[in-house]
Protein backbone atom coordinates (compact mmCIF):
# COMPACT_ATOMS: atom_id res chain seq x y z
CA UNK A 1 -43.69 -18.69 -24.90
CA UNK A 2 -44.14 -15.21 -23.48
CA UNK A 3 -40.95 -13.19 -23.02
CA UNK A 4 -39.93 -12.63 -19.42
CA UNK A 5 -39.96 -9.16 -17.92
CA UNK A 6 -36.50 -7.58 -18.10
CA UNK A 7 -34.18 -9.52 -15.80
CA UNK A 8 -30.70 -8.90 -14.33
CA UNK A 9 -28.09 -10.84 -16.27
CA UNK A 10 -25.53 -11.03 -13.48
CA UNK A 11 -26.34 -12.98 -10.31
CA UNK A 12 -24.70 -10.11 -8.42
CA UNK A 13 -27.63 -7.95 -9.54
CA UNK A 14 -30.15 -10.73 -8.95
CA UNK A 15 -29.81 -13.66 -6.57
CA UNK A 16 -26.91 -12.20 -4.57
CA UNK A 17 -27.80 -8.53 -4.69
CA UNK A 18 -28.25 -8.17 -0.94
CA UNK A 19 -24.70 -9.33 -0.21
CA UNK A 20 -23.02 -6.85 -2.57
CA UNK A 21 -25.44 -3.93 -2.51
CA UNK A 22 -22.90 -1.50 -1.07
CA UNK A 23 -20.61 -1.77 -4.07
CA UNK A 24 -23.31 -0.41 -6.39
CA UNK A 25 -23.09 2.93 -4.62
CA UNK A 26 -19.60 3.35 -6.05
CA UNK A 27 -18.78 0.97 -8.90
CA UNK A 28 -22.00 1.17 -10.91
CA UNK A 29 -22.43 3.43 -13.93
CA UNK A 30 -24.47 5.76 -11.74
CA UNK A 31 -21.75 5.80 -9.10
CA UNK A 32 -19.17 6.62 -11.76
CA UNK A 33 -21.29 9.47 -13.13
CA UNK A 34 -21.79 10.92 -9.67
CA UNK A 35 -18.01 10.89 -9.20
CA UNK A 36 -17.57 12.58 -12.59
CA UNK A 37 -19.96 15.33 -11.53
CA UNK A 38 -17.97 15.65 -8.30
CA UNK A 39 -14.68 16.12 -10.17
CA UNK A 40 -16.17 18.60 -12.66
CA UNK A 41 -17.73 20.66 -9.85
CA UNK A 42 -14.58 20.68 -7.74
CA UNK A 43 -12.42 21.74 -10.72
CA UNK A 44 -14.80 24.59 -11.50
CA UNK A 45 -14.73 25.66 -7.86
CA UNK A 46 -10.93 25.44 -7.78
CA UNK A 47 -10.65 27.74 -10.80
CA UNK A 48 -13.13 30.27 -9.41
CA UNK A 49 -11.71 30.09 -5.86
CA UNK A 50 -8.36 31.12 -7.33
CA UNK A 51 -10.09 33.69 -9.60
CA UNK A 52 -8.29 32.38 -12.65
CA UNK A 53 -8.97 33.88 -16.09
CA UNK A 54 -10.84 36.82 -14.59
CA UNK A 55 -13.39 34.64 -12.82
CA UNK A 56 -14.74 35.49 -9.38
CA UNK A 57 -15.00 33.45 -6.23
CA UNK A 58 -18.51 32.04 -5.93
CA UNK A 59 -20.70 32.98 -3.03
CA UNK A 60 -20.94 30.26 -0.34
CA UNK A 61 -24.54 29.46 -1.25
CA UNK A 62 -23.58 29.08 -4.92
CA UNK A 63 -20.72 26.74 -4.08
CA UNK A 64 -23.03 24.80 -1.77
CA UNK A 65 -25.62 24.50 -4.54
CA UNK A 66 -23.00 23.13 -6.92
CA UNK A 67 -21.78 20.58 -4.40
CA UNK A 68 -25.40 19.57 -3.83
CA UNK A 69 -25.32 18.18 -7.38
CA UNK A 70 -23.18 15.42 -5.89
CA UNK A 71 -24.77 14.97 -2.47
CA UNK A 72 -28.32 15.02 -3.90
CA UNK A 73 -27.51 12.96 -7.00
CA UNK A 74 -30.43 10.59 -7.61
CA UNK A 75 -32.56 8.75 -10.13
CA UNK A 76 -33.69 11.88 -11.98
CA UNK A 77 -30.04 12.84 -12.53
CA UNK A 78 -29.18 9.31 -13.63
CA UNK A 79 -31.98 9.43 -16.19
CA UNK A 80 -31.00 12.90 -17.40
CA UNK A 81 -27.40 11.86 -17.95
CA UNK A 82 -28.54 8.76 -19.83
CA UNK A 83 -30.64 10.94 -22.13
CA UNK A 84 -27.74 13.33 -22.70
CA UNK A 85 -25.36 10.48 -23.49
CA UNK A 86 -27.85 9.05 -25.97
CA UNK A 87 -27.39 12.29 -27.90
CA UNK A 88 -23.71 13.03 -27.32
CA UNK A 89 -22.58 9.39 -27.65
CA UNK A 90 -19.95 10.39 -25.10
CA UNK A 91 -20.33 9.80 -21.38
CA UNK A 92 -18.02 12.54 -20.09
CA UNK A 93 -19.39 15.13 -22.52
CA UNK A 94 -22.85 14.33 -21.18
CA UNK A 95 -21.61 15.11 -17.66
CA UNK A 96 -20.13 18.42 -18.88
CA UNK A 97 -23.45 19.44 -20.43
CA UNK A 98 -25.27 18.37 -17.28
CA UNK A 99 -23.08 20.65 -15.12
CA UNK A 100 -23.34 23.53 -17.58
CA UNK A 101 -27.13 23.33 -17.46
CA UNK A 102 -27.03 23.64 -13.68
CA UNK A 103 -24.79 26.72 -13.90
CA UNK A 104 -27.42 28.47 -15.97
CA UNK A 105 -30.02 27.68 -13.32
CA UNK A 106 -27.78 29.20 -10.65
CA UNK A 107 -27.08 32.35 -12.62
CA UNK A 108 -23.46 31.37 -13.23
CA UNK A 109 -23.35 31.45 -17.00
CA UNK A 110 -20.39 33.83 -16.79
CA UNK A 111 -18.17 30.95 -15.61
CA UNK A 112 -19.76 28.24 -17.76
CA UNK A 113 -16.71 28.06 -20.05
CA UNK A 114 -14.61 27.00 -17.08
CA UNK A 115 -16.59 23.76 -16.95
CA UNK A 116 -14.27 20.96 -18.06
CA UNK A 117 -11.60 23.61 -18.68
CA UNK A 118 -8.46 22.26 -20.44
CA UNK A 119 -9.56 18.74 -19.57
CA UNK A 120 -9.42 15.63 -21.64
CA UNK A 121 -12.10 13.11 -20.76
CA UNK A 122 -9.51 10.92 -19.08
CA UNK A 123 -8.64 13.73 -16.66
CA UNK A 124 -12.17 13.39 -15.31
CA UNK A 125 -12.40 9.63 -15.66
CA UNK A 126 -9.16 8.64 -13.97
CA UNK A 127 -9.93 10.76 -10.93
CA UNK A 128 -13.50 9.47 -10.82
CA UNK A 129 -12.38 5.86 -10.96
CA UNK A 130 -9.77 6.46 -8.27
CA UNK A 131 -12.43 8.00 -6.03
CA UNK A 132 -15.02 5.28 -6.58
CA UNK A 133 -12.56 2.38 -6.31
CA UNK A 134 -11.07 3.81 -3.12
CA UNK A 135 -14.54 4.24 -1.63
CA UNK A 136 -15.56 0.69 -2.60
CA UNK A 137 -12.38 -0.80 -1.14
CA UNK A 138 -12.44 1.22 2.06
CA UNK A 139 -16.19 1.17 2.72
CA UNK A 140 -17.13 -2.32 1.49
CA UNK A 141 -14.28 -4.74 0.73
CA UNK A 142 -12.00 -3.94 3.65
CA UNK A 143 -14.80 -4.08 6.26
CA UNK A 144 -15.94 -7.40 4.73
CA UNK A 145 -12.54 -9.05 4.91
CA UNK A 146 -11.87 -7.53 8.33
CA UNK A 147 -15.06 -9.16 9.61
CA UNK A 148 -13.79 -12.53 8.36
CA UNK A 149 -10.37 -11.98 9.94
CA UNK A 150 -12.06 -11.07 13.24
CA UNK A 151 -14.12 -14.28 13.09
CA UNK A 152 -10.97 -16.30 12.37
CA UNK A 153 -9.14 -14.60 15.24
CA UNK A 154 -11.94 -15.49 17.60
CA UNK A 155 -11.71 -19.11 16.47
CA UNK A 156 -7.93 -19.07 16.89
CA UNK A 157 -8.18 -17.84 20.47
CA UNK A 158 -11.08 -20.09 21.45
CA UNK A 159 -9.41 -23.24 20.12
CA UNK A 160 -5.76 -22.45 20.79
CA UNK A 161 -5.43 -25.49 23.07
CA UNK A 162 -7.56 -27.96 21.09
CA UNK A 163 -5.02 -30.52 19.90
CA UNK A 164 -5.51 -31.82 16.39
CA UNK A 165 -3.68 -34.36 14.27
CA UNK A 166 -1.99 -32.43 11.49
CA UNK A 167 -1.79 -33.82 7.97
CA UNK A 168 1.03 -33.17 5.52
CA UNK A 169 0.64 -34.67 2.05
CA UNK A 170 -2.70 -35.90 3.38
CA UNK A 171 -0.96 -38.21 5.85
CA UNK A 172 -0.87 -38.10 9.67
CA UNK A 173 1.88 -35.74 10.82
CA UNK A 174 3.13 -33.93 13.92
CA UNK A 175 0.03 -32.69 15.84
CA UNK A 176 -0.95 -29.05 16.02
CA UNK A 177 -3.90 -27.18 17.55
CA UNK A 178 -7.03 -25.98 15.84
CA UNK A 179 -6.40 -22.44 17.04
CA UNK A 180 -2.87 -22.32 15.66
CA UNK A 181 -4.10 -23.36 12.21
CA UNK A 182 -6.74 -20.62 12.23
CA UNK A 183 -4.05 -18.18 13.39
CA UNK A 184 -1.95 -18.97 10.32
CA UNK A 185 -4.75 -17.68 8.09
CA UNK A 186 -5.22 -14.62 10.29
CA UNK A 187 -1.56 -13.68 9.86
CA UNK A 188 -1.60 -14.28 6.10
CA UNK A 189 -4.70 -12.20 5.53
CA UNK A 190 -3.65 -9.35 7.82
CA UNK A 191 -0.43 -8.96 5.86
CA UNK A 192 -2.31 -8.66 2.56
CA UNK A 193 -4.89 -6.31 4.06
CA UNK A 194 -2.07 -4.04 5.22
CA UNK A 195 -0.80 -3.95 1.63
CA UNK A 196 -4.26 -3.08 0.32
CA UNK A 197 -4.62 -0.36 2.94
CA UNK A 198 -1.32 1.16 1.77
CA UNK A 199 -2.55 1.53 -1.82
CA UNK A 200 -1.66 4.79 -3.53
CA UNK A 201 -4.72 5.97 -5.43
CA UNK A 202 -3.03 7.95 -8.18
CA UNK A 203 -4.55 10.65 -10.33
CA UNK A 204 -3.44 12.71 -13.32
CA UNK A 205 -4.81 16.07 -14.46
CA UNK A 206 -2.59 17.23 -17.30
CA UNK A 207 -4.58 17.36 -20.50
CA UNK A 208 -4.82 15.53 -23.80
CA UNK A 209 -1.41 13.84 -23.80
CA UNK A 210 -0.18 14.68 -20.31
CA UNK A 211 1.78 17.77 -21.38
CA UNK A 212 -0.37 20.69 -20.08
CA UNK A 213 -0.25 22.04 -23.63
CA UNK A 214 -3.70 23.68 -23.61
CA UNK A 215 -3.13 24.98 -20.10
CA UNK A 216 0.13 26.72 -21.01
CA UNK A 217 -1.39 28.31 -24.11
CA UNK A 218 -4.30 29.59 -22.02
CA UNK A 219 -1.93 31.18 -19.47
CA UNK A 220 1.84 30.63 -19.74
CA UNK A 221 2.47 32.42 -16.44
CA UNK A 222 0.81 29.84 -14.21
CA UNK A 223 2.57 26.87 -12.56
CA UNK A 224 0.25 24.27 -14.02
CA UNK A 225 1.95 21.20 -12.50
CA UNK A 226 1.58 22.79 -9.05
CA UNK A 227 -2.07 23.58 -9.76
CA UNK A 228 -2.68 20.04 -10.97
CA UNK A 229 -0.99 18.56 -7.92
CA UNK A 230 -2.93 20.77 -5.54
CA UNK A 231 -6.23 19.89 -7.18
CA UNK A 232 -5.64 16.14 -7.30
CA UNK A 233 -4.47 15.97 -3.70
CA UNK A 234 -7.45 18.12 -2.62
CA UNK A 235 -9.58 15.14 -3.66
CA UNK A 236 -7.60 12.91 -1.32
CA UNK A 237 -5.66 11.24 -4.15
CA UNK A 238 -1.95 11.00 -4.93
CA UNK A 239 -0.76 13.09 -7.86
CA UNK A 240 0.98 11.41 -10.79
CA UNK A 241 3.02 14.00 -12.75
CA UNK A 242 4.21 11.79 -15.60
CA UNK A 243 1.52 10.22 -17.75
CA UNK A 244 0.26 9.96 -21.30
CA UNK A 245 -3.34 10.93 -21.95
CA UNK A 246 -4.24 8.35 -19.33
CA UNK A 247 -3.03 7.66 -15.84
CA UNK A 248 -1.21 4.37 -16.52
CA UNK A 249 -3.30 2.33 -14.03
CA UNK A 250 -0.28 0.74 -12.38
CA UNK A 251 -1.79 1.40 -8.96
CA UNK A 252 -4.93 -0.42 -10.03
CA UNK A 253 -2.93 -3.40 -11.22
CA UNK A 254 -1.11 -3.53 -7.88
CA UNK A 255 -4.37 -3.31 -5.96
CA UNK A 256 -6.12 -6.04 -7.94
CA UNK A 257 -3.14 -8.37 -7.61
CA UNK A 258 -3.21 -7.91 -3.84
CA UNK A 259 -6.95 -8.50 -3.68
CA UNK A 260 -6.61 -11.56 -5.90
CA UNK A 261 -3.89 -12.82 -3.55
CA UNK A 262 -6.30 -12.40 -0.65
CA UNK A 263 -8.89 -14.36 -2.63
CA UNK A 264 -6.48 -17.24 -3.06
CA UNK A 265 -5.59 -17.36 0.62
CA UNK A 266 -9.31 -17.38 1.41
CA UNK A 267 -9.77 -20.15 -1.16
CA UNK A 268 -7.11 -22.15 0.71
CA UNK A 269 -9.04 -21.53 3.94
CA UNK A 270 -12.27 -22.79 2.36
CA UNK A 271 -10.72 -25.99 1.00
CA UNK A 272 -9.09 -26.70 4.36
CA UNK A 273 -12.34 -26.19 6.28
CA UNK A 274 -14.22 -28.27 3.72
CA UNK A 275 -11.69 -31.08 4.21
CA UNK A 276 -11.85 -30.88 8.01
CA UNK A 277 -15.65 -31.11 7.76
CA UNK A 278 -15.35 -34.21 5.58
CA UNK A 279 -12.92 -35.72 8.12
CA UNK A 280 -15.33 -35.01 10.97
CA UNK A 281 -12.97 -32.59 12.71
CA UNK A 282 -15.57 -29.85 12.32
CA UNK A 283 -19.29 -30.46 12.53
CA UNK A 284 -21.89 -28.30 10.85
CA UNK A 285 -24.60 -26.70 12.95
CA UNK A 286 -28.04 -27.36 11.43
CA UNK A 287 -29.78 -24.18 10.34
CA UNK A 288 -33.54 -23.99 10.95
CA UNK A 289 -35.50 -24.72 7.77
CA UNK A 290 -32.41 -25.44 5.68
CA UNK A 291 -32.27 -28.44 3.33
CA UNK A 292 -29.00 -30.16 2.48
CA UNK A 293 -30.27 -32.44 -0.25
CA UNK A 294 -33.51 -32.72 -2.18
CA UNK A 295 -33.49 -36.49 -1.67
CA UNK A 296 -31.20 -37.25 1.31
CA UNK A 297 -32.69 -35.68 4.44
CA UNK A 298 -29.66 -36.36 6.64
CA UNK A 299 -27.24 -34.16 4.70
CA UNK A 300 -25.79 -30.85 5.80
CA UNK A 301 -23.66 -29.69 2.90
CA UNK A 302 -20.77 -27.22 3.38
CA UNK A 303 -22.41 -24.87 0.89
CA UNK A 304 -21.04 -21.65 2.39
CA UNK A 305 -17.47 -22.69 1.72
CA UNK A 306 -18.26 -24.22 -1.68
CA UNK A 307 -20.06 -21.07 -2.76
CA UNK A 308 -17.16 -18.98 -1.51
CA UNK A 309 -14.62 -21.13 -3.41
CA UNK A 310 -16.42 -20.58 -6.71
CA UNK A 311 -16.86 -16.85 -6.22
CA UNK A 312 -13.25 -16.40 -5.17
CA UNK A 313 -12.17 -18.14 -8.37
CA UNK A 314 -14.40 -15.90 -10.49
CA UNK A 315 -13.20 -12.80 -8.66
CA UNK A 316 -9.52 -13.66 -9.09
CA UNK A 317 -10.03 -14.45 -12.77
CA UNK A 318 -11.51 -10.98 -13.30
CA UNK A 319 -9.04 -9.16 -11.07
CA UNK A 320 -6.09 -10.92 -12.72
CA UNK A 321 -7.43 -9.94 -16.14
CA UNK A 322 -7.88 -6.34 -15.02
CA UNK A 323 -4.35 -6.24 -13.59
CA UNK A 324 -2.89 -7.56 -16.84
CA UNK A 325 -4.97 -5.49 -19.25
CA UNK A 326 -4.99 -2.08 -17.59
CA UNK A 327 -1.21 -1.57 -17.57
CA UNK A 328 -1.08 -1.53 -21.37
CA UNK A 329 -2.34 1.22 -23.68
CA UNK A 330 -1.36 1.62 -27.30
CA UNK A 331 0.86 4.69 -27.57
CA UNK A 332 -0.71 7.59 -25.67
CA UNK A 333 -4.26 6.20 -25.50
CA UNK A 334 -6.64 3.50 -26.57
CA UNK A 335 -10.04 2.52 -25.18
CA UNK A 336 -9.28 -0.99 -23.97
CA UNK A 337 -9.36 0.33 -20.42
CA UNK A 338 -12.77 1.96 -20.85
CA UNK A 339 -14.84 -1.21 -20.95
CA UNK A 340 -12.37 -3.11 -18.76
CA UNK A 341 -12.70 -0.74 -15.81
CA UNK A 342 -16.46 -1.07 -15.91
CA UNK A 343 -15.94 -4.62 -14.61
CA UNK A 344 -14.06 -3.60 -11.47
CA UNK A 345 -17.28 -3.82 -9.51
CA UNK A 346 -17.93 -7.33 -10.78
CA UNK A 347 -14.47 -8.49 -9.67
CA UNK A 348 -14.88 -6.97 -6.21
CA UNK A 349 -18.49 -8.14 -6.05
CA UNK A 350 -17.65 -11.82 -6.31
CA UNK A 351 -14.98 -11.37 -3.62
CA UNK A 352 -17.42 -9.60 -1.28
CA UNK A 353 -20.00 -12.32 -1.91
CA UNK A 354 -17.42 -14.96 -1.01
CA UNK A 355 -16.48 -13.08 2.16
CA UNK A 356 -20.14 -12.95 3.15
CA UNK A 357 -20.39 -16.73 2.73
CA UNK A 358 -17.19 -17.40 4.65
CA UNK A 359 -18.29 -15.26 7.57
CA UNK A 360 -21.64 -17.07 7.66
CA UNK A 361 -19.95 -20.43 7.27
CA UNK A 362 -17.60 -19.84 10.18
CA UNK A 363 -20.59 -19.23 12.43
CA UNK A 364 -22.15 -22.52 11.33
CA UNK A 365 -19.34 -24.94 12.27
CA UNK A 366 -18.18 -26.37 15.60
CA UNK A 367 -15.01 -28.21 16.59
CA UNK A 368 -15.63 -31.93 17.19
CA UNK A 369 -13.29 -32.58 20.10
CA UNK A 370 -14.24 -36.25 20.34
CA UNK A 371 -13.24 -36.85 16.74
CA UNK A 372 -9.99 -34.94 17.22
CA UNK A 373 -9.13 -37.04 20.25
CA UNK A 374 -10.01 -40.25 18.42
CA UNK A 375 -7.65 -39.50 15.54
CA UNK A 376 -4.84 -38.47 17.87
CA UNK A 377 -5.23 -41.63 19.92
CA UNK A 378 -5.17 -43.73 16.77
CA UNK A 379 -1.87 -42.34 15.49
CA UNK A 380 0.82 -42.81 18.15
CA UNK A 381 3.40 -43.36 15.42
CA UNK A 382 3.56 -39.57 14.91
CA UNK A 383 5.71 -39.51 18.07
CA UNK A 384 8.53 -41.14 16.09
CA UNK A 385 9.77 -37.63 15.25
CA UNK A 386 10.04 -36.76 18.94
CA UNK A 387 11.81 -39.99 19.86
CA UNK A 388 14.48 -39.83 17.15
CA UNK A 389 15.09 -36.13 17.86
CA UNK A 390 15.62 -36.77 21.60
CA UNK A 391 17.98 -39.66 20.81
CA UNK A 392 20.03 -37.35 18.56
CA UNK A 393 20.30 -34.83 21.39
CA UNK A 394 21.34 -37.55 23.80
CA UNK A 395 24.02 -38.84 21.40
CA UNK A 396 25.39 -35.33 20.97
CA UNK A 397 25.47 -34.85 24.74
CA UNK A 398 27.40 -38.10 25.16
CA UNK A 399 24.58 -39.88 27.00
CA UNK A 400 23.90 -42.39 24.20
CA UNK A 401 25.80 -44.32 21.56
CA UNK A 402 22.84 -45.20 19.32
CA UNK A 403 23.77 -45.08 15.64
CA UNK A 404 21.34 -43.56 13.09
CA UNK A 405 18.28 -43.02 15.30
CA UNK A 406 16.23 -41.85 12.30
CA UNK A 407 16.65 -45.24 10.58
CA UNK A 408 15.78 -47.00 13.83
CA UNK A 409 12.47 -45.13 14.15
CA UNK A 410 11.76 -45.48 10.46
CA UNK A 411 12.03 -49.25 10.79
CA UNK A 412 9.71 -49.18 13.80
CA UNK A 413 6.93 -46.95 12.46
CA UNK A 414 6.97 -46.35 8.70
CA UNK A 415 3.77 -47.65 7.16
CA UNK A 416 2.77 -49.29 10.44
CA UNK A 417 0.31 -48.72 13.24
CA UNK A 418 2.16 -48.44 16.55
CA UNK A 419 0.28 -47.99 19.82
CA UNK A 420 1.19 -46.50 23.16
CA UNK A 421 2.30 -49.81 24.66
CA UNK A 422 4.71 -50.55 21.82
CA UNK A 423 6.26 -47.08 21.99
CA UNK A 424 6.65 -47.17 25.77
CA UNK A 425 8.30 -50.58 25.53
CA UNK A 426 10.59 -49.28 22.78
CA UNK A 427 11.58 -46.17 24.76
CA UNK A 428 12.20 -48.20 27.93
CA UNK A 429 14.76 -50.25 26.01
CA UNK A 430 16.68 -47.24 24.65
CA UNK A 431 20.20 -46.37 25.73
CA UNK A 432 19.42 -42.76 26.73
CA UNK A 433 19.40 -40.71 29.93
CA UNK A 434 16.68 -41.17 32.53
CA UNK A 435 15.30 -37.61 32.13
CA UNK A 436 15.00 -38.00 28.37
CA UNK A 437 13.38 -41.40 28.79
CA UNK A 438 10.86 -39.98 31.27
CA UNK A 439 9.91 -37.15 28.89
CA UNK A 440 9.31 -39.60 26.05
CA UNK A 441 7.37 -42.12 28.11
CA UNK A 442 4.98 -39.39 29.32
CA UNK A 443 4.44 -37.98 25.82
CA UNK A 444 1.10 -38.43 24.02
CA UNK A 445 -0.01 -37.35 20.53
CA UNK A 446 -2.40 -34.81 22.08
CA UNK A 447 0.44 -33.35 24.14
CA UNK A 448 2.94 -33.26 21.29
CA UNK A 449 1.99 -29.82 20.00
CA UNK A 450 5.07 -27.82 20.92
CA UNK A 451 4.31 -24.11 21.21
CA UNK A 452 1.20 -24.24 19.04
CA UNK A 453 -1.08 -22.77 21.69
CA UNK A 454 1.35 -19.98 22.56
CA UNK A 455 1.92 -19.09 18.89
CA UNK A 456 -1.69 -17.95 18.66
CA UNK A 457 -0.67 -14.80 20.52
CA UNK A 458 0.93 -13.54 17.31
CA UNK A 459 -2.55 -13.41 15.78
CA UNK A 460 -4.34 -11.77 18.71
């Protein structure tokens, strides 16, 4: 058997590449290296802008040429860094050598020793990860989940008045509306998204063990914490003053837990929609050319929601592992975080893939109003709650002397099918006020939805 040409191992880089392509711009090895070059260049420019250690402020064209290393970063640079790392056996050192080589080409060898000045590798790495993760979240994940929330909001508004038999414990329960149930997921997801949007992307820049030791020896007169803070915040990050060699990654753990929480809410959405499809409450819109089964031509399978379920589970498993692993480092530093953080893109990728499927799936279902009406009409016994509650109010108001109305309705309806005629006859025989009796006689399962339609406004 001939060996295959080199193939992607992950389906995110193969079958599903189109759905997650944007993440590769940030959370790939190349994206990480570009961010490392960015941090190295900006630190060098900070030092020269402040003319530290006798350096001089670079001319605008020189600074622009250095920043072009980031904006023009491409395949040739990726290959060059790979070749350098093959020799150095150290990814950040390869980036340092790469930047130094460019300084020589720009006639800036006199400031070459300021490249990576007083930095431990983690000073560069933690800032680079913060930059790439923030970009991936803000430019890819948040727009993806926002698109799903917008689609859910549209459904909530469109179907706010479509009465539906609710099910608690899988059994017929007090009716609701389709729109209100969609609105519940809108509210849940918006709350989590707000938490993700409030993430503090922390960065440290304080040397080998977080003490500024090399910095102070180089120049004891400078306020190194202030310099560090100014530099980190200039990158749009939040400064962390107290760290070991590494930034402790607590912010990452918090972020991944929130994203995993969002995954689980979305998983709940998928299982609910899947169930409503199986009950006939939602119908699936046939897609041109699509096949549901290789042998059963009639089938339209809810594959979008099933695919999303699986990818949400994979994503949460990875994000939960990241959240648990990254907050621990032996003493001042170990490398468990190094390989772990390289999987951030995989965790986000499966979530983005799921979001893509959910958005598509929502556009491929329709509410089956006939089936909703059929189930409501077949379950008049759900009005037992309304009847016993009205009787209680009447007893309290002194307009009835009925004892234990709950037990009375339980005897009438529990485990039984009771139709409209039976309930009307029952209500007509009750010792309650005429107004209360009129309200109950006119009540139907489809009309017993309380404020469900109005509650949708909280999701608009």
